[in-house]
Amino acid sequence: MTLALYAHPFSSYCQKVLVALYENGLAFEYRHVETPGIGDALKALWPLGRFPVLVDAGTAITESTIIIEYLELHHPGPVRLIPGDPAAALEVRFLDRFFDNYVMSAMQVPVAEALRGADGRKDTALAEAAVALETAYAWLEVRLAGREWAAGNGFTIADCAAAPSLFYADWVHPIGASHPILRDYRRRLLARPSFARAVDEARPYRHYFPLGAPDRD
């Protein structure tokens, strides 16, 4: 049975899973959550109504990291997204969580406040996000030194998480010239065919970004 993914192209967590699928050339049915009826089907599978959700032979798998872990176990491809060595896998999983928790989450707070339309709270959230993201950027600048990808020379689940995290975080609080290693890493992610495809698929929805999407990416 073909894999099915309930997702939206502009969603950062959906892009994270899409990168994993595209990296390994996995066939799947894209169930766009804006398509009539798909939202109800999604809630029947996952009452919280959050996406992405992957369906494989009637089994629903939720949460982006778990979906990628599931694909690695049950639908492995030529790109090993989680190393077989336990110690290497531990670092990869740690970096995956770092990008989700300290970059993606920090970026999303002012976006959520802007969507609510509360200008005062948005400005406060932007200021707080700037502090949080600068801290994360500085840590990554040191961690990524001498590495092509997040955990070394191989593209992993950590990079699947990093790509949308840094893509949108740079829109909220730009990665400055004081972080050249991180800026170069973000450029490599944008040039990676799997993520470039996800970015291109999301272009028609850039007007959804409440803080104003830049034209540079």
N, C-alpha and C. Protein backbone atom coordinates (compact mmCIF):
# COMPACT_ATOMS: atom_id res chain seq x y z
N MET A 1 0.84 -1.19 0.00
CA MET A 1 0.00 0.00 0.00
C MET A 1 0.88 1.24 0.00
N THR A 2 0.47 2.24 -0.75
CA THR A 2 1.23 3.48 -0.83
C THR A 2 1.14 4.25 0.47
N LEU A 3 2.25 4.85 0.87
CA LEU A 3 2.26 5.73 2.02
C LEU A 3 1.40 6.96 1.72
N ALA A 4 0.75 7.49 2.73
CA ALA A 4 -0.03 8.72 2.59
C ALA A 4 0.44 9.71 3.65
N LEU A 5 0.62 10.96 3.26
CA LEU A 5 1.06 11.98 4.19
C LEU A 5 0.05 13.11 4.22
N TYR A 6 -0.52 13.34 5.38
CA TYR A 6 -1.40 14.48 5.60
C TYR A 6 -0.51 15.65 5.99
N ALA A 7 -0.49 16.68 5.16
CA ALA A 7 0.49 17.74 5.37
C ALA A 7 0.07 19.02 4.67
N HIS A 8 0.82 20.10 4.99
CA HIS A 8 0.67 21.36 4.28
C HIS A 8 2.06 21.82 3.86
N PRO A 9 2.22 22.27 2.61
CA PRO A 9 3.56 22.62 2.12
C PRO A 9 4.27 23.71 2.90
N PHE A 10 3.51 24.62 3.54
CA PHE A 10 4.14 25.75 4.22
C PHE A 10 4.51 25.44 5.66
N SER A 11 4.07 24.31 6.18
CA SER A 11 4.34 23.91 7.55
C SER A 11 5.78 23.47 7.72
N SER A 12 6.46 24.01 8.71
CA SER A 12 7.85 23.66 8.94
C SER A 12 8.02 22.19 9.30
N TYR A 13 7.14 21.67 10.15
CA TYR A 13 7.27 20.27 10.53
C TYR A 13 6.91 19.33 9.39
N CYS A 14 6.00 19.75 8.53
CA CYS A 14 5.71 18.96 7.33
C CYS A 14 6.91 18.95 6.39
N GLN A 15 7.56 20.10 6.25
CA GLN A 15 8.75 20.17 5.40
C GLN A 15 9.85 19.24 5.92
N LYS A 16 9.96 19.16 7.22
CA LYS A 16 10.96 18.26 7.83
C LYS A 16 10.74 16.82 7.36
N VAL A 17 9.50 16.36 7.36
CA VAL A 17 9.19 14.99 6.91
C VAL A 17 9.33 14.88 5.40
N LEU A 18 8.91 15.91 4.68
CA LEU A 18 9.04 15.87 3.22
C LEU A 18 10.49 15.72 2.79
N VAL A 19 11.40 16.40 3.48
CA VAL A 19 12.82 16.27 3.16
C VAL A 19 13.26 14.82 3.30
N ALA A 20 12.82 14.17 4.36
CA ALA A 20 13.19 12.76 4.56
C ALA A 20 12.63 11.88 3.44
N LEU A 21 11.38 12.12 3.06
CA LEU A 21 10.77 11.34 1.98
C LEU A 21 11.49 11.58 0.66
N TYR A 22 11.79 12.84 0.36
CA TYR A 22 12.44 13.18 -0.90
C TYR A 22 13.88 12.68 -0.95
N GLU A 23 14.57 12.71 0.19
CA GLU A 23 15.95 12.24 0.22
C GLU A 23 16.05 10.79 -0.26
N ASN A 24 15.07 9.98 0.11
CA ASN A 24 15.13 8.56 -0.23
C ASN A 24 14.20 8.17 -1.36
N GLY A 25 13.60 9.16 -2.02
CA GLY A 25 12.78 8.87 -3.19
C GLY A 25 11.59 7.98 -2.89
N LEU A 26 11.00 8.15 -1.69
CA LEU A 26 9.88 7.29 -1.31
C LEU A 26 8.58 7.78 -1.94
N ALA A 27 7.85 6.87 -2.53
CA ALA A 27 6.56 7.21 -3.13
C ALA A 27 5.51 7.37 -2.04
N PHE A 28 4.69 8.41 -2.15
CA PHE A 28 3.63 8.62 -1.17
C PHE A 28 2.52 9.46 -1.80
N GLU A 29 1.35 9.36 -1.22
CA GLU A 29 0.22 10.18 -1.64
C GLU A 29 0.18 11.41 -0.75
N TYR A 30 0.21 12.58 -1.36
CA TYR A 30 0.21 13.84 -0.60
C TYR A 30 -1.24 14.24 -0.37
N ARG A 31 -1.68 14.19 0.86
CA ARG A 31 -3.04 14.58 1.21
C ARG A 31 -2.99 15.98 1.83
N HIS A 32 -3.15 16.97 0.97
CA HIS A 32 -3.06 18.38 1.35
C HIS A 32 -4.22 18.72 2.28
N VAL A 33 -3.89 19.25 3.46
CA VAL A 33 -4.91 19.47 4.48
C VAL A 33 -5.91 20.57 4.11
N GLU A 34 -5.62 21.36 3.08
CA GLU A 34 -6.58 22.37 2.63
C GLU A 34 -7.59 21.79 1.63
N THR A 35 -7.38 20.57 1.19
CA THR A 35 -8.31 19.93 0.26
C THR A 35 -9.60 19.58 1.01
N PRO A 36 -10.77 19.89 0.44
CA PRO A 36 -12.03 19.57 1.13
C PRO A 36 -12.10 18.11 1.56
N GLY A 37 -12.48 17.90 2.80
CA GLY A 37 -12.63 16.56 3.34
C GLY A 37 -11.38 15.99 3.99
N ILE A 38 -10.21 16.51 3.61
CA ILE A 38 -8.97 15.96 4.15
C ILE A 38 -8.82 16.30 5.63
N GLY A 39 -9.25 17.50 6.01
CA GLY A 39 -9.16 17.89 7.42
C GLY A 39 -9.97 16.98 8.31
N ASP A 40 -11.17 16.60 7.87
CA ASP A 40 -11.99 15.68 8.67
C ASP A 40 -11.34 14.30 8.74
N ALA A 41 -10.77 13.87 7.64
CA ALA A 41 -10.09 12.56 7.63
C ALA A 41 -8.88 12.59 8.56
N LEU A 42 -8.18 13.71 8.59
CA LEU A 42 -7.04 13.85 9.48
C LEU A 42 -7.46 13.74 10.95
N LYS A 43 -8.55 14.43 11.31
CA LYS A 43 -9.01 14.39 12.70
C LYS A 43 -9.52 13.00 13.10
N ALA A 44 -10.02 12.26 12.13
CA ALA A 44 -10.45 10.89 12.42
C ALA A 44 -9.24 10.01 12.75
N LEU A 45 -8.11 10.33 12.13
CA LEU A 45 -6.89 9.57 12.39
C LEU A 45 -6.19 10.04 13.66
N TRP A 46 -6.22 11.36 13.89
CA TRP A 46 -5.48 11.98 14.98
C TRP A 46 -6.35 13.10 15.54
N PRO A 47 -7.09 12.84 16.61
CA PRO A 47 -8.08 13.79 17.12
C PRO A 47 -7.53 15.17 17.42
N LEU A 48 -6.22 15.29 17.69
CA LEU A 48 -5.64 16.60 17.94
C LEU A 48 -5.60 17.46 16.68
N GLY A 49 -5.75 16.82 15.53
CA GLY A 49 -5.82 17.56 14.27
C GLY A 49 -4.52 18.18 13.82
N ARG A 50 -3.41 17.81 14.44
CA ARG A 50 -2.11 18.38 14.07
C ARG A 50 -1.52 17.58 12.91
N PHE A 51 -0.68 18.23 12.15
CA PHE A 51 -0.01 17.56 11.04
C PHE A 51 1.46 17.93 11.05
N PRO A 52 2.30 17.04 10.45
CA PRO A 52 1.99 15.93 9.55
C PRO A 52 1.54 14.67 10.27
N VAL A 53 0.81 13.85 9.52
CA VAL A 53 0.48 12.49 9.93
C VAL A 53 0.77 11.58 8.75
N LEU A 54 1.51 10.52 9.00
CA LEU A 54 1.81 9.52 7.97
C LEU A 54 0.92 8.32 8.19
N VAL A 55 0.36 7.78 7.11
CA VAL A 55 -0.44 6.56 7.19
C VAL A 55 0.24 5.49 6.35
N ASP A 56 0.46 4.35 6.99
CA ASP A 56 1.09 3.23 6.32
C ASP A 56 0.28 1.97 6.61
N ALA A 57 -0.38 1.45 5.58
CA ALA A 57 -1.20 0.24 5.71
C ALA A 57 -2.20 0.35 6.85
N GLY A 58 -2.83 1.51 6.94
CA GLY A 58 -3.87 1.72 7.94
C GLY A 58 -3.39 2.19 9.30
N THR A 59 -2.08 2.24 9.50
CA THR A 59 -1.51 2.71 10.76
C THR A 59 -1.11 4.17 10.64
N ALA A 60 -1.57 4.99 11.58
CA ALA A 60 -1.23 6.40 11.56
C ALA A 60 -0.04 6.66 12.48
N ILE A 61 0.93 7.39 11.97
CA ILE A 61 2.13 7.75 12.74
C ILE A 61 2.17 9.27 12.82
N THR A 62 2.33 9.80 14.03
CA THR A 62 2.31 11.24 14.24
C THR A 62 3.65 11.72 14.79
N GLU A 63 3.84 13.04 14.73
CA GLU A 63 5.04 13.74 15.18
C GLU A 63 6.18 13.52 14.18
N SER A 64 6.77 14.63 13.74
CA SER A 64 7.72 14.59 12.63
C SER A 64 8.93 13.70 12.90
N THR A 65 9.51 13.80 14.08
CA THR A 65 10.68 12.97 14.38
C THR A 65 10.31 11.50 14.37
N ILE A 66 9.18 11.15 14.96
CA ILE A 66 8.77 9.75 15.01
C ILE A 66 8.45 9.23 13.61
N ILE A 67 7.87 10.09 12.77
CA ILE A 67 7.58 9.68 11.40
C ILE A 67 8.88 9.33 10.67
N ILE A 68 9.90 10.17 10.83
CA ILE A 68 11.17 9.90 10.15
C ILE A 68 11.83 8.64 10.72
N GLU A 69 11.75 8.48 12.03
CA GLU A 69 12.28 7.25 12.65
C GLU A 69 11.53 6.03 12.09
N TYR A 70 10.23 6.15 11.94
CA TYR A 70 9.41 5.04 11.40
C TYR A 70 9.84 4.72 9.96
N LEU A 71 10.00 5.75 9.15
CA LEU A 71 10.43 5.53 7.77
C LEU A 71 11.79 4.84 7.72
N GLU A 72 12.68 5.24 8.61
CA GLU A 72 14.02 4.64 8.65
C GLU A 72 13.94 3.16 8.99
N LEU A 73 13.00 2.80 9.84
CA LEU A 73 12.85 1.39 10.23
C LEU A 73 12.14 0.55 9.18
N HIS A 74 11.06 1.10 8.63
CA HIS A 74 10.17 0.30 7.78
C HIS A 74 10.29 0.58 6.29
N HIS A 75 10.84 1.71 5.93
CA HIS A 75 11.01 2.07 4.51
C HIS A 75 12.38 2.70 4.28
N PRO A 76 13.44 1.97 4.62
CA PRO A 76 14.78 2.55 4.47
C PRO A 76 15.14 2.78 3.01
N GLY A 77 15.95 3.80 2.80
CA GLY A 77 16.40 4.11 1.44
C GLY A 77 17.90 4.26 1.42
N PRO A 78 18.44 4.78 0.33
CA PRO A 78 19.90 4.89 0.20
C PRO A 78 20.54 5.88 1.15
N VAL A 79 19.77 6.87 1.63
CA VAL A 79 20.32 7.87 2.55
C VAL A 79 19.97 7.44 3.98
N ARG A 80 20.98 7.10 4.74
CA ARG A 80 20.79 6.66 6.13
C ARG A 80 20.63 7.90 7.01
N LEU A 81 19.42 8.18 7.43
CA LEU A 81 19.15 9.41 8.18
C LEU A 81 19.45 9.28 9.66
N ILE A 82 19.56 8.05 10.16
CA ILE A 82 19.95 7.80 11.54
C ILE A 82 21.09 6.77 11.51
N PRO A 83 22.26 7.16 11.97
CA PRO A 83 23.42 6.24 11.88
C PRO A 83 23.18 4.94 12.64
N GLY A 84 23.82 3.89 12.17
CA GLY A 84 23.72 2.61 12.85
C GLY A 84 24.51 2.58 14.14
N ASP A 85 25.59 3.34 14.21
CA ASP A 85 26.38 3.40 15.42
C ASP A 85 25.61 4.12 16.52
N PRO A 86 25.42 3.51 17.69
CA PRO A 86 24.59 4.11 18.74
C PRO A 86 25.06 5.48 19.20
N ALA A 87 26.37 5.66 19.33
CA ALA A 87 26.88 6.96 19.79
C ALA A 87 26.63 8.04 18.75
N ALA A 88 26.86 7.71 17.48
CA ALA A 88 26.60 8.68 16.42
C ALA A 88 25.11 8.98 16.33
N ALA A 89 24.29 7.96 16.50
CA ALA A 89 22.84 8.15 16.45
C ALA A 89 22.37 9.04 17.59
N LEU A 90 23.01 8.93 18.75
CA LEU A 90 22.63 9.77 19.89
C LEU A 90 22.87 11.24 19.59
N GLU A 91 24.00 11.56 18.98
CA GLU A 91 24.26 12.97 18.64
C GLU A 91 23.26 13.47 17.61
N VAL A 92 22.97 12.64 16.62
CA VAL A 92 22.01 13.03 15.58
C VAL A 92 20.64 13.31 16.19
N ARG A 93 20.21 12.43 17.09
CA ARG A 93 18.91 12.63 17.74
C ARG A 93 18.92 13.87 18.63
N PHE A 94 20.03 14.12 19.31
CA PHE A 94 20.14 15.33 20.13
C PHE A 94 20.01 16.58 19.26
N LEU A 95 20.70 16.61 18.14
CA LEU A 95 20.65 17.78 17.27
C LEU A 95 19.27 17.96 16.66
N ASP A 96 18.61 16.86 16.35
CA ASP A 96 17.23 16.94 15.89
C ASP A 96 16.36 17.66 16.92
N ARG A 97 16.51 17.26 18.20
CA ARG A 97 15.74 17.90 19.24
C ARG A 97 16.16 19.35 19.45
N PHE A 98 17.45 19.64 19.29
CA PHE A 98 17.92 21.02 19.45
C PHE A 98 17.24 21.93 18.44
N PHE A 99 17.23 21.53 17.18
CA PHE A 99 16.62 22.38 16.15
C PHE A 99 15.13 22.55 16.38
N ASP A 100 14.46 21.48 16.79
CA ASP A 100 13.02 21.59 17.04
C ASP A 100 12.72 22.46 18.25
N ASN A 101 13.45 22.22 19.34
CA ASN A 101 13.10 22.86 20.61
C ASN A 101 13.67 24.26 20.80
N TYR A 102 14.83 24.53 20.22
CA TYR A 102 15.50 25.80 20.50
C TYR A 102 15.59 26.75 19.30
N VAL A 103 15.28 26.24 18.12
CA VAL A 103 15.22 27.11 16.95
C VAL A 103 13.78 27.21 16.46
N MET A 104 13.19 26.07 16.11
CA MET A 104 11.83 26.07 15.58
C MET A 104 10.83 26.64 16.59
N SER A 105 10.90 26.19 17.82
CA SER A 105 9.95 26.64 18.82
C SER A 105 10.11 28.13 19.11
N ALA A 106 11.34 28.61 19.21
CA ALA A 106 11.58 30.03 19.46
C ALA A 106 11.04 30.88 18.32
N MET A 107 11.20 30.42 17.11
CA MET A 107 10.71 31.14 15.94
C MET A 107 9.19 31.22 15.92
N GLN A 108 8.54 30.16 16.36
CA GLN A 108 7.09 30.06 16.22
C GLN A 108 6.31 30.95 17.18
N VAL A 109 6.90 31.35 18.29
CA VAL A 109 6.17 32.15 19.28
C VAL A 109 5.73 33.50 18.71
N PRO A 110 6.64 34.32 18.15
CA PRO A 110 6.16 35.59 17.58
C PRO A 110 5.25 35.40 16.37
N VAL A 111 5.45 34.33 15.63
CA VAL A 111 4.57 34.04 14.50
C VAL A 111 3.15 33.81 15.01
N ALA A 112 3.03 33.04 16.08
CA ALA A 112 1.71 32.77 16.66
C ALA A 112 1.07 34.05 17.18
N GLU A 113 1.85 34.91 17.82
CA GLU A 113 1.29 36.17 18.34
C GLU A 113 0.86 37.08 17.20
N ALA A 114 1.61 37.08 16.11
CA ALA A 114 1.23 37.89 14.95
C ALA A 114 -0.07 37.38 14.34
N LEU A 115 -0.23 36.07 14.32
CA LEU A 115 -1.47 35.48 13.79
C LEU A 115 -2.67 35.85 14.66
N ARG A 116 -2.43 36.00 15.95
CA ARG A 116 -3.51 36.40 16.85
C ARG A 116 -3.87 37.87 16.69
N GLY A 117 -2.96 38.65 16.10
CA GLY A 117 -3.24 40.06 15.85
C GLY A 117 -2.99 40.96 17.04
N ALA A 118 -2.26 40.46 18.04
CA ALA A 118 -1.96 41.28 19.22
C ALA A 118 -0.59 41.92 19.03
N ASP A 119 -0.57 43.18 18.57
CA ASP A 119 0.70 43.82 18.23
C ASP A 119 1.63 43.95 19.42
N GLY A 120 1.09 44.30 20.59
CA GLY A 120 1.93 44.43 21.76
C GLY A 120 2.61 43.13 22.14
N ARG A 121 1.84 42.07 22.14
CA ARG A 121 2.39 40.76 22.48
C ARG A 121 3.34 40.28 21.39
N LYS A 122 3.04 40.63 20.14
CA LYS A 122 3.94 40.24 19.04
C LYS A 122 5.30 40.89 19.22
N ASP A 123 5.32 42.18 19.53
CA ASP A 123 6.60 42.88 19.70
C ASP A 123 7.40 42.29 20.86
N THR A 124 6.73 41.97 21.95
CA THR A 124 7.41 41.34 23.08
C THR A 124 7.95 39.97 22.68
N ALA A 125 7.14 39.21 21.96
CA ALA A 125 7.56 37.88 21.53
C ALA A 125 8.73 37.95 20.57
N LEU A 126 8.74 38.95 19.70
CA LEU A 126 9.86 39.12 18.77
C LEU A 126 11.15 39.42 19.53
N ALA A 127 11.05 40.26 20.54
CA ALA A 127 12.24 40.60 21.33
C ALA A 127 12.76 39.37 22.07
N GLU A 128 11.85 38.59 22.63
CA GLU A 128 12.25 37.38 23.35
C GLU A 128 12.82 36.34 22.39
N ALA A 129 12.22 36.24 21.20
CA ALA A 129 12.72 35.29 20.21
C ALA A 129 14.11 35.68 19.74
N ALA A 130 14.37 36.97 19.61
CA ALA A 130 15.70 37.43 19.18
C ALA A 130 16.77 36.97 20.17
N VAL A 131 16.47 37.07 21.45
CA VAL A 131 17.43 36.63 22.47
C VAL A 131 17.63 35.11 22.39
N ALA A 132 16.53 34.37 22.32
CA ALA A 132 16.62 32.91 22.27
C ALA A 132 17.34 32.43 21.02
N LEU A 133 17.01 33.03 19.89
CA LEU A 133 17.64 32.60 18.64
C LEU A 133 19.11 32.99 18.57
N GLU A 134 19.46 34.16 19.07
CA GLU A 134 20.87 34.54 19.10
C GLU A 134 21.68 33.54 19.93
N THR A 135 21.11 33.09 21.03
CA THR A 135 21.78 32.10 21.87
C THR A 135 21.96 30.79 21.09
N ALA A 136 20.91 30.36 20.42
CA ALA A 136 20.99 29.12 19.62
C ALA A 136 21.97 29.28 18.46
N TYR A 137 21.92 30.43 17.79
CA TYR A 137 22.84 30.67 16.66
C TYR A 137 24.30 30.61 17.12
N ALA A 138 24.58 31.24 18.26
CA ALA A 138 25.96 31.25 18.77
C ALA A 138 26.44 29.84 19.10
N TRP A 139 25.56 29.04 19.70
CA TRP A 139 25.93 27.67 20.02
C TRP A 139 26.18 26.86 18.75
N LEU A 140 25.31 27.03 17.77
CA LEU A 140 25.46 26.30 16.51
C LEU A 140 26.71 26.74 15.76
N GLU A 141 27.06 27.99 15.84
CA GLU A 141 28.25 28.50 15.15
C GLU A 141 29.49 27.71 15.59
N VAL A 142 29.57 27.40 16.86
CA VAL A 142 30.70 26.62 17.39
C VAL A 142 30.53 25.14 17.04
N ARG A 143 29.34 24.62 17.22
CA ARG A 143 29.09 23.18 17.01
C ARG A 143 29.31 22.76 15.56
N LEU A 144 28.97 23.62 14.62
CA LEU A 144 29.03 23.26 13.21
C LEU A 144 30.40 23.49 12.58
N ALA A 145 31.32 24.04 13.31
CA ALA A 145 32.65 24.33 12.75
C ALA A 145 33.30 23.05 12.20
N GLY A 146 33.74 23.12 10.97
CA GLY A 146 34.41 21.98 10.34
C GLY A 146 33.48 20.90 9.84
N ARG A 147 32.18 21.12 9.91
CA ARG A 147 31.22 20.11 9.47
C ARG A 147 30.48 20.57 8.22
N GLU A 148 30.21 19.62 7.33
CA GLU A 148 29.37 19.94 6.17
C GLU A 148 27.91 19.94 6.57
N TRP A 149 27.51 18.94 7.35
CA TRP A 149 26.13 18.82 7.81
C TRP A 149 26.11 18.85 9.34
N ALA A 150 24.95 18.81 9.91
CA ALA A 150 24.81 19.07 11.35
C ALA A 150 25.67 18.14 12.20
N ALA A 151 25.70 16.86 11.85
CA ALA A 151 26.42 15.89 12.68
C ALA A 151 27.71 15.41 12.03
N GLY A 152 28.13 16.05 10.97
CA GLY A 152 29.37 15.63 10.30
C GLY A 152 29.25 15.70 8.80
N ASN A 153 29.72 14.66 8.12
CA ASN A 153 29.72 14.66 6.65
C ASN A 153 28.47 14.04 6.04
N GLY A 154 27.66 13.33 6.84
CA GLY A 154 26.47 12.69 6.30
C GLY A 154 25.20 13.46 6.62
N PHE A 155 24.29 13.51 5.66
CA PHE A 155 22.99 14.16 5.83
C PHE A 155 22.10 13.26 6.67
N THR A 156 21.51 13.80 7.76
CA THR A 156 20.75 12.98 8.69
C THR A 156 19.43 13.65 9.06
N ILE A 157 18.72 13.00 9.98
CA ILE A 157 17.47 13.57 10.49
C ILE A 157 17.70 14.94 11.13
N ALA A 158 18.91 15.16 11.65
CA ALA A 158 19.22 16.47 12.23
C ALA A 158 19.13 17.56 11.17
N ASP A 159 19.56 17.25 9.96
CA ASP A 159 19.49 18.22 8.86
C ASP A 159 18.06 18.38 8.36
N CYS A 160 17.27 17.29 8.43
CA CYS A 160 15.85 17.41 8.09
C CYS A 160 15.17 18.41 9.02
N ALA A 161 15.56 18.40 10.30
CA ALA A 161 15.01 19.34 11.26
C ALA A 161 15.59 20.74 11.08
N ALA A 162 16.89 20.79 10.79
CA ALA A 162 17.56 22.08 10.67
C ALA A 162 17.04 22.90 9.50
N ALA A 163 16.74 22.24 8.39
CA ALA A 163 16.38 22.97 7.17
C ALA A 163 15.20 23.91 7.37
N PRO A 164 14.02 23.44 7.76
CA PRO A 164 12.91 24.38 7.96
C PRO A 164 13.11 25.26 9.19
N SER A 165 13.80 24.76 10.22
CA SER A 165 14.03 25.56 11.42
C SER A 165 14.81 26.83 11.07
N LEU A 166 15.94 26.66 10.42
CA LEU A 166 16.78 27.81 10.09
C LEU A 166 16.18 28.64 8.98
N PHE A 167 15.47 28.00 8.07
CA PHE A 167 14.82 28.73 6.98
C PHE A 167 13.88 29.79 7.54
N TYR A 168 12.96 29.37 8.41
CA TYR A 168 11.98 30.31 8.95
C TYR A 168 12.55 31.17 10.08
N ALA A 169 13.46 30.63 10.88
CA ALA A 169 14.05 31.43 11.96
C ALA A 169 14.77 32.65 11.40
N ASP A 170 15.43 32.49 10.28
CA ASP A 170 16.14 33.61 9.66
C ASP A 170 15.18 34.69 9.17
N TRP A 171 13.93 34.31 8.90
CA TRP A 171 12.92 35.31 8.55
C TRP A 171 12.49 36.10 9.78
N VAL A 172 12.45 35.43 10.94
CA VAL A 172 12.03 36.08 12.18
C VAL A 172 13.15 36.91 12.78
N HIS A 173 14.34 36.33 12.82
CA HIS A 173 15.51 37.03 13.36
C HIS A 173 16.71 36.62 12.50
N PRO A 174 17.13 37.47 11.56
CA PRO A 174 18.17 37.09 10.60
C PRO A 174 19.45 36.61 11.27
N ILE A 175 20.06 35.60 10.64
CA ILE A 175 21.35 35.10 11.07
C ILE A 175 22.40 36.11 10.60
N GLY A 176 23.02 36.79 11.54
CA GLY A 176 23.91 37.90 11.21
C GLY A 176 25.28 37.48 10.71
N ALA A 177 26.05 38.49 10.29
CA ALA A 177 27.39 38.26 9.76
C ALA A 177 28.35 37.69 10.80
N SER A 178 27.98 37.81 12.07
CA SER A 178 28.82 37.25 13.13
C SER A 178 28.72 35.74 13.21
N HIS A 179 27.84 35.15 12.41
CA HIS A 179 27.67 33.69 12.40
C HIS A 179 27.87 33.16 10.97
N PRO A 180 29.06 33.33 10.38
CA PRO A 180 29.26 32.92 8.98
C PRO A 180 29.13 31.42 8.75
N ILE A 181 29.53 30.61 9.72
CA ILE A 181 29.43 29.15 9.57
C ILE A 181 27.97 28.74 9.48
N LEU A 182 27.15 29.31 10.35
CA LEU A 182 25.72 28.98 10.35
C LEU A 182 25.05 29.49 9.07
N ARG A 183 25.43 30.66 8.61
CA ARG A 183 24.85 31.20 7.37
C ARG A 183 25.19 30.29 6.19
N ASP A 184 26.44 29.83 6.14
CA ASP A 184 26.84 28.93 5.05
C ASP A 184 26.09 27.61 5.14
N TYR A 185 25.88 27.13 6.35
CA TYR A 185 25.13 25.88 6.53
C TYR A 185 23.70 26.05 6.03
N ARG A 186 23.07 27.16 6.36
CA ARG A 186 21.70 27.40 5.88
C ARG A 186 21.68 27.44 4.35
N ARG A 187 22.69 28.04 3.73
CA ARG A 187 22.75 28.08 2.27
C ARG A 187 22.88 26.67 1.69
N ARG A 188 23.68 25.82 2.33
CA ARG A 188 23.82 24.44 1.85
C ARG A 188 22.49 23.70 1.95
N LEU A 189 21.77 23.93 3.04
CA LEU A 189 20.46 23.29 3.19
C LEU A 189 19.51 23.73 2.08
N LEU A 190 19.50 25.02 1.78
CA LEU A 190 18.61 25.53 0.73
C LEU A 190 18.98 24.99 -0.65
N ALA A 191 20.26 24.65 -0.83
CA ALA A 191 20.71 24.11 -2.11
C ALA A 191 20.50 22.60 -2.21
N ARG A 192 20.24 21.94 -1.10
CA ARG A 192 20.00 20.49 -1.11
C ARG A 192 18.73 20.21 -1.89
N PRO A 193 18.75 19.36 -2.92
CA PRO A 193 17.57 19.17 -3.77
C PRO A 193 16.30 18.81 -3.01
N SER A 194 16.41 18.00 -1.96
CA SER A 194 15.21 17.61 -1.22
C SER A 194 14.55 18.81 -0.55
N PHE A 195 15.35 19.69 0.06
CA PHE A 195 14.77 20.85 0.72
C PHE A 195 14.40 21.93 -0.29
N ALA A 196 15.18 22.08 -1.34
CA ALA A 196 14.84 23.05 -2.38
C ALA A 196 13.46 22.72 -2.96
N ARG A 197 13.18 21.45 -3.12
CA ARG A 197 11.86 21.04 -3.62
C ARG A 197 10.76 21.43 -2.65
N ALA A 198 10.99 21.19 -1.35
CA ALA A 198 9.99 21.55 -0.35
C ALA A 198 9.76 23.06 -0.31
N VAL A 199 10.83 23.83 -0.42
CA VAL A 199 10.71 25.29 -0.43
C VAL A 199 9.92 25.76 -1.64
N ASP A 200 10.21 25.19 -2.80
CA ASP A 200 9.49 25.59 -4.02
C ASP A 200 8.01 25.24 -3.93
N GLU A 201 7.69 24.09 -3.36
CA GLU A 201 6.28 23.70 -3.22
C GLU A 201 5.53 24.64 -2.28
N ALA A 202 6.26 25.27 -1.37
CA ALA A 202 5.62 26.16 -0.39
C ALA A 202 5.52 27.60 -0.86
N ARG A 203 6.15 27.95 -1.97
CA ARG A 203 6.17 29.35 -2.41
C ARG A 203 4.78 29.96 -2.59
N PRO A 204 3.80 29.24 -3.12
CA PRO A 204 2.48 29.86 -3.30
C PRO A 204 1.80 30.27 -2.00
N TYR A 205 2.33 29.82 -0.86
CA TYR A 205 1.68 30.08 0.42
C TYR A 205 2.43 31.11 1.27
N ARG A 206 3.40 31.80 0.70
CA ARG A 206 4.20 32.71 1.50
C ARG A 206 3.39 33.88 2.07
N HIS A 207 2.27 34.18 1.46
CA HIS A 207 1.44 35.25 2.00
C HIS A 207 0.84 34.85 3.35
N TYR A 208 0.93 33.57 3.70
CA TYR A 208 0.43 33.13 5.01
C TYR A 208 1.33 33.59 6.15
N PHE A 209 2.58 33.91 5.85
CA PHE A 209 3.53 34.25 6.91
C PHE A 209 3.17 35.63 7.46
N PRO A 210 2.75 35.71 8.73
CA PRO A 210 2.17 36.96 9.24
C PRO A 210 3.17 38.09 9.45
N LEU A 211 4.48 37.77 9.47
CA LEU A 211 5.48 38.81 9.68
C LEU A 211 6.03 39.33 8.37
N GLY A 212 5.57 38.78 7.27
CA GLY A 212 6.04 39.21 5.96
C GLY A 212 7.20 38.35 5.49
N ALA A 213 7.00 37.59 4.43
CA ALA A 213 8.05 36.71 3.92
C ALA A 213 9.04 37.51 3.08
N PRO A 214 10.33 37.37 3.31
CA PRO A 214 11.32 38.09 2.49
C PRO A 214 11.40 37.51 1.07
N ASP A 215 11.96 38.29 0.18
CA ASP A 215 12.08 37.86 -1.21
C ASP A 215 13.43 37.19 -1.50
N ARG A 216 14.30 37.11 -0.51
CA ARG A 216 15.68 36.67 -0.77
C ARG A 216 15.83 35.15 -0.86
N ASP A 217 14.86 34.38 -0.37
CA ASP A 217 15.00 32.91 -0.38
C ASP A 217 14.15 32.30 -1.47
